[in-house]
Amino acid sequence: MTDEPLAPEQRDHQGRLMLHLSPSTDRYFLRRTGEKLELELGAEAKDRFTSPSDVFWDYVVRDQGLSLYWERESGLWLVAGDASDENEAQLRSLAPRLRQHLSDG
C-alpha cells in the first residue's frame, strides 16, 4: 500500500467508474453496505466473488448493474456495472447516501 491518498473516483481496467466509499479495511463495511443496498434500495444480489485480498458483490438496482468492491489495501468501493452515462449517473447519486450510511455507524 502506498502512502498517497486514494482518489475519490477512478476507472478500473475495463473503464468502469469506481467511487471510493470508505478507507476502512474492515470487511464488515462491505456487509453493512450490501444490506443497505438490498433492504433500503431494493437491490437484487446477483453474484459474489471472494479471494484472500479482495471481494466483489454484484447487484442490480433499478435495472442497472453495480458492484461493491472491498480491497484489503484500500477499503470499500462502489463500481459501475458498465461505462454508460446512465449507470455512472446512478452511481454518483448513490455514493453519497452510502457514505452517509457508513459514517452513521
N, C-alpha and C. Protein backbone atom coordinates (compact mmCIF):
# COMPACT_ATOMS: atom_id res chain seq x y z
N MET A 1 0.84 -1.18 0.00
CA MET A 1 0.00 0.00 0.00
C MET A 1 0.88 1.23 0.00
N THR A 2 0.49 2.24 -0.76
CA THR A 2 1.26 3.47 -0.79
C THR A 2 0.73 4.44 0.25
N ASP A 3 1.52 5.47 0.55
CA ASP A 3 1.09 6.49 1.49
C ASP A 3 0.31 7.61 0.82
N GLU A 4 0.16 7.55 -0.50
CA GLU A 4 -0.60 8.56 -1.22
C GLU A 4 -2.09 8.35 -0.96
N PRO A 5 -2.85 9.45 -0.80
CA PRO A 5 -4.29 9.29 -0.59
C PRO A 5 -4.96 8.74 -1.85
N LEU A 6 -6.02 7.99 -1.64
CA LEU A 6 -6.76 7.42 -2.76
C LEU A 6 -7.61 8.49 -3.43
N ALA A 7 -7.71 8.41 -4.73
CA ALA A 7 -8.61 9.31 -5.45
C ALA A 7 -10.04 8.92 -5.11
N PRO A 8 -10.94 9.90 -4.91
CA PRO A 8 -12.32 9.55 -4.59
C PRO A 8 -13.02 8.83 -5.73
N GLU A 9 -12.50 9.00 -6.94
CA GLU A 9 -13.01 8.22 -8.06
C GLU A 9 -11.87 7.88 -9.01
N GLN A 10 -12.03 6.75 -9.66
CA GLN A 10 -11.06 6.31 -10.65
C GLN A 10 -11.76 5.34 -11.60
N ARG A 11 -11.04 4.80 -12.54
CA ARG A 11 -11.57 3.85 -13.52
C ARG A 11 -10.84 2.52 -13.36
N ASP A 12 -11.57 1.43 -13.50
CA ASP A 12 -10.92 0.13 -13.48
C ASP A 12 -10.37 -0.18 -14.87
N HIS A 13 -9.78 -1.37 -15.03
CA HIS A 13 -9.15 -1.73 -16.30
C HIS A 13 -10.16 -1.86 -17.45
N GLN A 14 -11.46 -1.94 -17.13
CA GLN A 14 -12.50 -2.01 -18.17
C GLN A 14 -13.14 -0.64 -18.42
N GLY A 15 -12.62 0.40 -17.78
CA GLY A 15 -13.15 1.74 -17.97
C GLY A 15 -14.35 2.08 -17.12
N ARG A 16 -14.72 1.19 -16.20
CA ARG A 16 -15.88 1.43 -15.34
C ARG A 16 -15.52 2.40 -14.22
N LEU A 17 -16.46 3.27 -13.90
CA LEU A 17 -16.28 4.24 -12.82
C LEU A 17 -16.24 3.53 -11.47
N MET A 18 -15.27 3.92 -10.64
CA MET A 18 -15.15 3.40 -9.28
C MET A 18 -15.16 4.60 -8.32
N LEU A 19 -16.08 4.59 -7.36
CA LEU A 19 -16.17 5.65 -6.36
C LEU A 19 -15.81 5.08 -5.00
N HIS A 20 -14.88 5.71 -4.32
CA HIS A 20 -14.42 5.24 -3.03
C HIS A 20 -15.46 5.57 -1.96
N LEU A 21 -15.86 4.57 -1.18
CA LEU A 21 -16.86 4.76 -0.14
C LEU A 21 -16.26 4.90 1.24
N SER A 22 -15.25 4.08 1.55
CA SER A 22 -14.67 4.09 2.89
C SER A 22 -13.24 3.57 2.84
N PRO A 23 -12.33 4.24 3.57
CA PRO A 23 -10.97 3.74 3.64
C PRO A 23 -10.82 2.57 4.60
N SER A 24 -11.88 2.26 5.35
CA SER A 24 -11.79 1.17 6.32
C SER A 24 -11.54 -0.15 5.60
N THR A 25 -10.58 -0.89 6.09
CA THR A 25 -10.31 -2.20 5.51
C THR A 25 -11.02 -3.31 6.28
N ASP A 26 -11.96 -2.94 7.12
CA ASP A 26 -12.79 -3.89 7.85
C ASP A 26 -13.86 -4.42 6.90
N ARG A 27 -13.90 -5.72 6.69
CA ARG A 27 -14.88 -6.30 5.75
C ARG A 27 -16.31 -6.11 6.22
N TYR A 28 -16.51 -5.77 7.48
CA TYR A 28 -17.85 -5.51 8.00
C TYR A 28 -18.52 -4.39 7.21
N PHE A 29 -17.76 -3.41 6.74
CA PHE A 29 -18.33 -2.30 5.97
C PHE A 29 -18.95 -2.82 4.67
N LEU A 30 -18.39 -3.84 4.09
CA LEU A 30 -18.95 -4.45 2.88
C LEU A 30 -20.32 -5.03 3.19
N ARG A 31 -20.43 -5.78 4.27
CA ARG A 31 -21.70 -6.40 4.63
C ARG A 31 -22.76 -5.34 4.92
N ARG A 32 -22.40 -4.33 5.70
CA ARG A 32 -23.36 -3.27 6.04
C ARG A 32 -23.85 -2.54 4.80
N THR A 33 -22.97 -2.26 3.88
CA THR A 33 -23.36 -1.54 2.67
C THR A 33 -24.22 -2.43 1.78
N GLY A 34 -23.90 -3.70 1.69
CA GLY A 34 -24.73 -4.63 0.93
C GLY A 34 -26.13 -4.73 1.50
N GLU A 35 -26.25 -4.76 2.83
CA GLU A 35 -27.56 -4.79 3.47
C GLU A 35 -28.36 -3.52 3.13
N LYS A 36 -27.68 -2.39 3.13
CA LYS A 36 -28.34 -1.12 2.79
C LYS A 36 -28.86 -1.18 1.35
N LEU A 37 -28.06 -1.66 0.43
CA LEU A 37 -28.48 -1.76 -0.96
C LEU A 37 -29.71 -2.67 -1.10
N GLU A 38 -29.70 -3.80 -0.41
CA GLU A 38 -30.79 -4.76 -0.54
C GLU A 38 -32.06 -4.30 0.15
N LEU A 39 -31.95 -3.88 1.40
CA LEU A 39 -33.14 -3.57 2.19
C LEU A 39 -33.75 -2.22 1.88
N GLU A 40 -32.94 -1.22 1.70
CA GLU A 40 -33.48 0.13 1.55
C GLU A 40 -33.59 0.59 0.11
N LEU A 41 -32.81 0.03 -0.78
CA LEU A 41 -32.84 0.48 -2.17
C LEU A 41 -33.39 -0.57 -3.12
N GLY A 42 -33.75 -1.74 -2.58
CA GLY A 42 -34.33 -2.78 -3.41
C GLY A 42 -33.37 -3.46 -4.36
N ALA A 43 -32.09 -3.41 -4.06
CA ALA A 43 -31.10 -4.06 -4.93
C ALA A 43 -31.24 -5.57 -4.85
N GLU A 44 -30.96 -6.21 -5.95
CA GLU A 44 -31.00 -7.66 -6.02
C GLU A 44 -29.58 -8.18 -6.15
N ALA A 45 -29.17 -9.01 -5.18
CA ALA A 45 -27.83 -9.59 -5.23
C ALA A 45 -27.75 -10.58 -6.38
N LYS A 46 -26.66 -10.53 -7.14
CA LYS A 46 -26.51 -11.39 -8.31
C LYS A 46 -25.37 -12.39 -8.19
N ASP A 47 -24.21 -11.94 -7.77
CA ASP A 47 -23.05 -12.82 -7.78
C ASP A 47 -22.05 -12.31 -6.76
N ARG A 48 -21.25 -13.22 -6.22
CA ARG A 48 -20.21 -12.84 -5.27
C ARG A 48 -18.93 -13.58 -5.62
N PHE A 49 -17.83 -12.85 -5.56
CA PHE A 49 -16.51 -13.41 -5.80
C PHE A 49 -15.61 -13.01 -4.65
N THR A 50 -14.89 -13.98 -4.10
CA THR A 50 -14.01 -13.71 -2.97
C THR A 50 -12.64 -14.33 -3.21
N SER A 51 -11.61 -13.55 -2.91
CA SER A 51 -10.24 -14.05 -2.89
C SER A 51 -9.63 -13.58 -1.57
N PRO A 52 -8.40 -13.98 -1.25
CA PRO A 52 -7.80 -13.53 0.01
C PRO A 52 -7.63 -12.02 0.13
N SER A 53 -7.50 -11.32 -1.00
CA SER A 53 -7.22 -9.89 -0.91
C SER A 53 -8.35 -8.98 -1.36
N ASP A 54 -9.37 -9.53 -2.04
CA ASP A 54 -10.46 -8.67 -2.47
C ASP A 54 -11.77 -9.45 -2.61
N VAL A 55 -12.87 -8.69 -2.65
CA VAL A 55 -14.21 -9.26 -2.73
C VAL A 55 -15.04 -8.39 -3.66
N PHE A 56 -15.78 -9.02 -4.56
CA PHE A 56 -16.77 -8.33 -5.38
C PHE A 56 -18.15 -8.87 -5.04
N TRP A 57 -19.11 -7.98 -4.78
CA TRP A 57 -20.50 -8.35 -4.64
C TRP A 57 -21.26 -7.61 -5.73
N ASP A 58 -21.90 -8.32 -6.63
CA ASP A 58 -22.61 -7.72 -7.75
C ASP A 58 -24.10 -7.59 -7.44
N TYR A 59 -24.69 -6.46 -7.85
CA TYR A 59 -26.10 -6.17 -7.61
C TYR A 59 -26.73 -5.58 -8.86
N VAL A 60 -28.06 -5.60 -8.88
CA VAL A 60 -28.83 -4.84 -9.86
C VAL A 60 -29.76 -3.93 -9.07
N VAL A 61 -29.70 -2.62 -9.38
CA VAL A 61 -30.56 -1.62 -8.76
C VAL A 61 -31.25 -0.87 -9.89
N ARG A 62 -32.59 -0.92 -9.90
CA ARG A 62 -33.36 -0.24 -10.95
C ARG A 62 -32.80 -0.55 -12.35
N ASP A 63 -32.64 -1.83 -12.61
CA ASP A 63 -32.17 -2.33 -13.91
C ASP A 63 -30.76 -1.91 -14.28
N GLN A 64 -30.00 -1.40 -13.34
CA GLN A 64 -28.61 -1.01 -13.58
C GLN A 64 -27.69 -1.88 -12.73
N GLY A 65 -26.64 -2.39 -13.33
CA GLY A 65 -25.68 -3.19 -12.59
C GLY A 65 -24.70 -2.33 -11.83
N LEU A 66 -24.29 -2.81 -10.66
CA LEU A 66 -23.22 -2.18 -9.89
C LEU A 66 -22.60 -3.23 -9.00
N SER A 67 -21.41 -2.94 -8.52
CA SER A 67 -20.71 -3.86 -7.63
C SER A 67 -20.19 -3.11 -6.43
N LEU A 68 -20.18 -3.79 -5.30
CA LEU A 68 -19.41 -3.34 -4.15
C LEU A 68 -18.09 -4.08 -4.24
N TYR A 69 -17.01 -3.37 -4.09
CA TYR A 69 -15.68 -3.96 -4.20
C TYR A 69 -14.91 -3.62 -2.94
N TRP A 70 -14.54 -4.64 -2.19
CA TRP A 70 -13.71 -4.44 -1.00
C TRP A 70 -12.31 -4.95 -1.32
N GLU A 71 -11.33 -4.13 -1.02
CA GLU A 71 -9.94 -4.48 -1.29
C GLU A 71 -9.16 -4.29 0.01
N ARG A 72 -8.39 -5.29 0.36
CA ARG A 72 -7.69 -5.29 1.65
C ARG A 72 -6.83 -4.04 1.86
N GLU A 73 -6.25 -3.52 0.80
CA GLU A 73 -5.35 -2.37 0.93
C GLU A 73 -6.05 -1.02 0.93
N SER A 74 -7.20 -0.91 0.26
CA SER A 74 -7.79 0.42 0.07
C SER A 74 -9.20 0.60 0.62
N GLY A 75 -9.84 -0.45 1.07
CA GLY A 75 -11.17 -0.29 1.64
C GLY A 75 -12.28 -0.62 0.66
N LEU A 76 -13.38 0.13 0.75
CA LEU A 76 -14.61 -0.19 0.04
C LEU A 76 -14.88 0.78 -1.11
N TRP A 77 -15.26 0.22 -2.26
CA TRP A 77 -15.54 0.98 -3.48
C TRP A 77 -16.91 0.59 -4.02
N LEU A 78 -17.53 1.52 -4.73
CA LEU A 78 -18.74 1.27 -5.49
C LEU A 78 -18.35 1.33 -6.96
N VAL A 79 -18.69 0.29 -7.73
CA VAL A 79 -18.21 0.17 -9.11
C VAL A 79 -19.41 0.07 -10.06
N ALA A 80 -19.39 0.89 -11.11
CA ALA A 80 -20.45 0.85 -12.13
C ALA A 80 -20.43 -0.49 -12.85
N GLY A 81 -21.61 -0.96 -13.24
CA GLY A 81 -21.71 -2.21 -13.98
C GLY A 81 -21.15 -2.10 -15.39
N ASP A 82 -21.18 -0.89 -15.95
CA ASP A 82 -20.59 -0.63 -17.25
C ASP A 82 -20.24 0.85 -17.32
N ALA A 83 -19.70 1.28 -18.43
CA ALA A 83 -19.23 2.66 -18.55
C ALA A 83 -20.28 3.60 -19.16
N SER A 84 -21.56 3.21 -19.14
CA SER A 84 -22.60 4.07 -19.72
C SER A 84 -22.85 5.29 -18.83
N ASP A 85 -23.27 6.37 -19.47
CA ASP A 85 -23.57 7.60 -18.73
C ASP A 85 -24.68 7.38 -17.71
N GLU A 86 -25.70 6.61 -18.08
CA GLU A 86 -26.83 6.35 -17.18
C GLU A 86 -26.37 5.61 -15.93
N ASN A 87 -25.56 4.60 -16.12
CA ASN A 87 -25.06 3.82 -14.98
C ASN A 87 -24.17 4.68 -14.09
N GLU A 88 -23.33 5.49 -14.69
CA GLU A 88 -22.44 6.35 -13.90
C GLU A 88 -23.22 7.41 -13.14
N ALA A 89 -24.29 7.95 -13.74
CA ALA A 89 -25.12 8.94 -13.05
C ALA A 89 -25.77 8.31 -11.82
N GLN A 90 -26.26 7.08 -11.97
CA GLN A 90 -26.86 6.39 -10.83
C GLN A 90 -25.82 6.19 -9.73
N LEU A 91 -24.63 5.80 -10.11
CA LEU A 91 -23.56 5.57 -9.15
C LEU A 91 -23.23 6.86 -8.39
N ARG A 92 -23.13 7.96 -9.11
CA ARG A 92 -22.81 9.24 -8.48
C ARG A 92 -23.90 9.70 -7.51
N SER A 93 -25.15 9.37 -7.78
CA SER A 93 -26.22 9.76 -6.86
C SER A 93 -26.30 8.82 -5.67
N LEU A 94 -25.92 7.59 -5.85
CA LEU A 94 -25.98 6.58 -4.79
C LEU A 94 -24.83 6.69 -3.81
N ALA A 95 -23.64 7.00 -4.27
CA ALA A 95 -22.44 7.00 -3.42
C ALA A 95 -22.57 7.89 -2.18
N PRO A 96 -23.06 9.13 -2.27
CA PRO A 96 -23.15 9.95 -1.06
C PRO A 96 -24.07 9.35 0.00
N ARG A 97 -25.17 8.72 -0.44
CA ARG A 97 -26.08 8.08 0.53
C ARG A 97 -25.39 6.91 1.22
N LEU A 98 -24.62 6.14 0.47
CA LEU A 98 -23.92 5.01 1.09
C LEU A 98 -22.82 5.49 2.02
N ARG A 99 -22.10 6.54 1.64
CA ARG A 99 -21.07 7.09 2.53
C ARG A 99 -21.69 7.57 3.83
N GLN A 100 -22.85 8.25 3.74
CA GLN A 100 -23.53 8.74 4.94
C GLN A 100 -23.95 7.56 5.82
N HIS A 101 -24.48 6.53 5.20
CA HIS A 101 -24.89 5.33 5.93
C HIS A 101 -23.70 4.73 6.70
N LEU A 102 -22.56 4.67 6.06
CA LEU A 102 -21.37 4.11 6.71
C LEU A 102 -20.88 5.01 7.84
N SER A 103 -20.98 6.31 7.68
CA SER A 103 -20.49 7.22 8.72
C SER A 103 -21.45 7.30 9.90
N ASP A 104 -22.73 6.96 9.69
CA ASP A 104 -23.71 6.98 10.78
C ASP A 104 -23.51 5.82 11.74
N GLY A 105 -22.72 4.85 11.35
CA GLY A 105 -22.43 3.73 12.22
C GLY A 105 -23.47 2.70 12.14
